[in-house]
Amino acid sequence: MEGSVLVQVCFEYNIPFVIICTISDDANENSVIDFNEFISQVASKFSLYIIKKFIKQLRF
């Protein structure tokens, strides 16, 4: 949902884009992991892996 604005602007200006979304757990007191822990332990590692793989696929 948050990426939809970026998608619309890039579409309107014919700008290539990629959006990578990560779904965390519940964002409330029922969450099994603190959001900052999730960022450092999970999301950052997956994001780095995805970006590295993506860059390898680019052809200049």
N, C-alpha and C. Protein backbone atom coordinates (compact mmCIF):
# COMPACT_ATOMS: atom_id res chain seq x y z
N MET A 1 0.82 -1.18 0.00
CA MET A 1 0.00 0.00 0.00
C MET A 1 0.87 1.26 0.00
N GLU A 2 1.90 1.29 0.80
CA GLU A 2 2.75 2.47 0.88
C GLU A 2 3.49 2.72 -0.42
N GLY A 3 3.77 1.66 -1.16
CA GLY A 3 4.50 1.79 -2.42
C GLY A 3 3.65 2.27 -3.57
N SER A 4 2.33 2.30 -3.41
CA SER A 4 1.47 2.66 -4.54
C SER A 4 1.69 4.08 -5.02
N VAL A 5 2.01 5.00 -4.13
CA VAL A 5 2.29 6.38 -4.54
C VAL A 5 3.55 6.42 -5.39
N LEU A 6 4.57 5.71 -4.97
CA LEU A 6 5.81 5.65 -5.74
C LEU A 6 5.56 5.04 -7.11
N VAL A 7 4.78 3.98 -7.15
CA VAL A 7 4.45 3.32 -8.42
C VAL A 7 3.76 4.31 -9.35
N GLN A 8 2.81 5.05 -8.84
CA GLN A 8 2.06 5.98 -9.67
C GLN A 8 2.96 7.07 -10.23
N VAL A 9 3.81 7.66 -9.41
CA VAL A 9 4.71 8.72 -9.86
C VAL A 9 5.69 8.18 -10.90
N CYS A 10 6.28 7.03 -10.64
CA CYS A 10 7.22 6.44 -11.59
C CYS A 10 6.52 6.11 -12.91
N PHE A 11 5.32 5.62 -12.83
CA PHE A 11 4.55 5.31 -14.04
C PHE A 11 4.29 6.58 -14.85
N GLU A 12 3.86 7.61 -14.18
CA GLU A 12 3.53 8.87 -14.86
C GLU A 12 4.75 9.49 -15.55
N TYR A 13 5.93 9.34 -14.94
CA TYR A 13 7.14 9.92 -15.49
C TYR A 13 8.02 8.91 -16.22
N ASN A 14 7.48 7.72 -16.45
CA ASN A 14 8.20 6.67 -17.18
C ASN A 14 9.58 6.38 -16.56
N ILE A 15 9.59 6.21 -15.25
CA ILE A 15 10.82 5.93 -14.51
C ILE A 15 10.79 4.47 -14.05
N PRO A 16 11.82 3.70 -14.41
CA PRO A 16 11.86 2.31 -13.92
C PRO A 16 11.96 2.27 -12.39
N PHE A 17 11.37 1.26 -11.79
CA PHE A 17 11.39 1.17 -10.32
C PHE A 17 11.26 -0.28 -9.88
N VAL A 18 11.64 -0.51 -8.64
CA VAL A 18 11.44 -1.79 -7.99
C VAL A 18 11.00 -1.49 -6.57
N ILE A 19 10.02 -2.21 -6.11
CA ILE A 19 9.59 -2.07 -4.72
C ILE A 19 9.72 -3.43 -4.05
N ILE A 20 10.39 -3.46 -2.92
CA ILE A 20 10.56 -4.68 -2.15
C ILE A 20 9.85 -4.47 -0.81
N CYS A 21 8.88 -5.31 -0.54
CA CYS A 21 8.12 -5.20 0.71
C CYS A 21 8.39 -6.39 1.60
N THR A 22 8.47 -6.13 2.88
CA THR A 22 8.62 -7.19 3.86
C THR A 22 7.46 -7.08 4.84
N ILE A 23 6.82 -8.18 5.08
CA ILE A 23 5.71 -8.18 6.02
C ILE A 23 6.23 -8.62 7.39
N SER A 24 6.03 -7.75 8.36
CA SER A 24 6.44 -8.10 9.72
C SER A 24 5.25 -8.75 10.43
N ASP A 25 5.45 -9.06 11.67
CA ASP A 25 4.39 -9.66 12.49
C ASP A 25 3.36 -8.60 12.83
N ASP A 26 2.47 -8.92 13.72
CA ASP A 26 1.50 -7.93 14.18
C ASP A 26 2.23 -6.70 14.70
N ALA A 27 1.74 -5.54 14.36
CA ALA A 27 2.37 -4.30 14.80
C ALA A 27 1.68 -3.79 16.06
N ASN A 28 1.60 -4.65 17.05
CA ASN A 28 0.96 -4.26 18.31
C ASN A 28 1.59 -5.05 19.46
N GLU A 29 0.95 -5.05 20.60
CA GLU A 29 1.51 -5.73 21.78
C GLU A 29 1.53 -7.24 21.63
N ASN A 30 0.87 -7.80 20.62
CA ASN A 30 0.86 -9.25 20.39
C ASN A 30 2.03 -9.72 19.52
N SER A 31 2.84 -8.82 19.06
CA SER A 31 3.96 -9.17 18.20
C SER A 31 4.95 -10.05 18.95
N VAL A 32 5.48 -11.06 18.27
CA VAL A 32 6.43 -11.97 18.92
C VAL A 32 7.85 -11.42 18.92
N ILE A 33 8.10 -10.34 18.16
CA ILE A 33 9.42 -9.72 18.11
C ILE A 33 9.27 -8.21 18.02
N ASP A 34 10.14 -7.50 18.70
CA ASP A 34 10.16 -6.05 18.65
C ASP A 34 10.47 -5.59 17.22
N PHE A 35 9.83 -4.53 16.77
CA PHE A 35 10.02 -4.08 15.39
C PHE A 35 11.48 -3.77 15.09
N ASN A 36 12.19 -3.11 15.99
CA ASN A 36 13.61 -2.80 15.75
C ASN A 36 14.44 -4.08 15.65
N GLU A 37 14.10 -5.08 16.45
CA GLU A 37 14.78 -6.38 16.34
C GLU A 37 14.49 -7.02 14.99
N PHE A 38 13.24 -6.92 14.57
CA PHE A 38 12.85 -7.47 13.26
C PHE A 38 13.67 -6.82 12.15
N ILE A 39 13.84 -5.52 12.22
CA ILE A 39 14.63 -4.80 11.20
C ILE A 39 16.07 -5.31 11.20
N SER A 40 16.69 -5.38 12.36
CA SER A 40 18.11 -5.75 12.42
C SER A 40 18.36 -7.24 12.20
N GLN A 41 17.45 -8.09 12.67
CA GLN A 41 17.69 -9.53 12.59
C GLN A 41 17.11 -10.19 11.35
N VAL A 42 16.07 -9.63 10.78
CA VAL A 42 15.38 -10.30 9.67
C VAL A 42 15.39 -9.45 8.41
N ALA A 43 14.71 -8.33 8.45
CA ALA A 43 14.48 -7.53 7.24
C ALA A 43 15.78 -7.06 6.60
N SER A 44 16.73 -6.61 7.39
CA SER A 44 17.98 -6.10 6.82
C SER A 44 18.75 -7.19 6.09
N LYS A 45 18.76 -8.39 6.64
CA LYS A 45 19.49 -9.50 6.00
C LYS A 45 18.82 -9.94 4.70
N PHE A 46 17.51 -10.08 4.72
CA PHE A 46 16.79 -10.45 3.52
C PHE A 46 16.89 -9.36 2.45
N SER A 47 16.78 -8.11 2.87
CA SER A 47 16.87 -7.00 1.93
C SER A 47 18.23 -6.95 1.25
N LEU A 48 19.29 -7.12 2.02
CA LEU A 48 20.63 -7.12 1.45
C LEU A 48 20.79 -8.24 0.44
N TYR A 49 20.32 -9.42 0.77
CA TYR A 49 20.41 -10.57 -0.14
C TYR A 49 19.65 -10.29 -1.44
N ILE A 50 18.45 -9.77 -1.33
CA ILE A 50 17.63 -9.49 -2.51
C ILE A 50 18.30 -8.42 -3.38
N ILE A 51 18.81 -7.37 -2.77
CA ILE A 51 19.45 -6.30 -3.53
C ILE A 51 20.70 -6.80 -4.24
N LYS A 52 21.51 -7.61 -3.56
CA LYS A 52 22.71 -8.16 -4.19
C LYS A 52 22.34 -9.03 -5.39
N LYS A 53 21.33 -9.87 -5.24
CA LYS A 53 20.89 -10.72 -6.35
C LYS A 53 20.36 -9.87 -7.50
N PHE A 54 19.62 -8.84 -7.17
CA PHE A 54 19.06 -7.96 -8.19
C PHE A 54 20.17 -7.26 -8.97
N ILE A 55 21.16 -6.74 -8.27
CA ILE A 55 22.28 -6.03 -8.92
C ILE A 55 23.04 -6.96 -9.86
N LYS A 56 23.22 -8.22 -9.47
CA LYS A 56 23.90 -9.16 -10.33
C LYS A 56 23.15 -9.40 -11.63
N GLN A 57 21.84 -9.23 -11.61
CA GLN A 57 21.01 -9.46 -12.79
C GLN A 57 21.00 -8.26 -13.75
N LEU A 58 21.42 -7.10 -13.28
CA LEU A 58 21.40 -5.90 -14.12
C LEU A 58 22.47 -6.01 -15.21
N ARG A 59 22.15 -5.51 -16.34
CA ARG A 59 23.11 -5.50 -17.46
C ARG A 59 23.30 -4.06 -17.87
N PHE A 60 24.53 -3.62 -17.83
CA PHE A 60 24.83 -2.22 -18.19
C PHE A 60 25.38 -2.16 -19.58
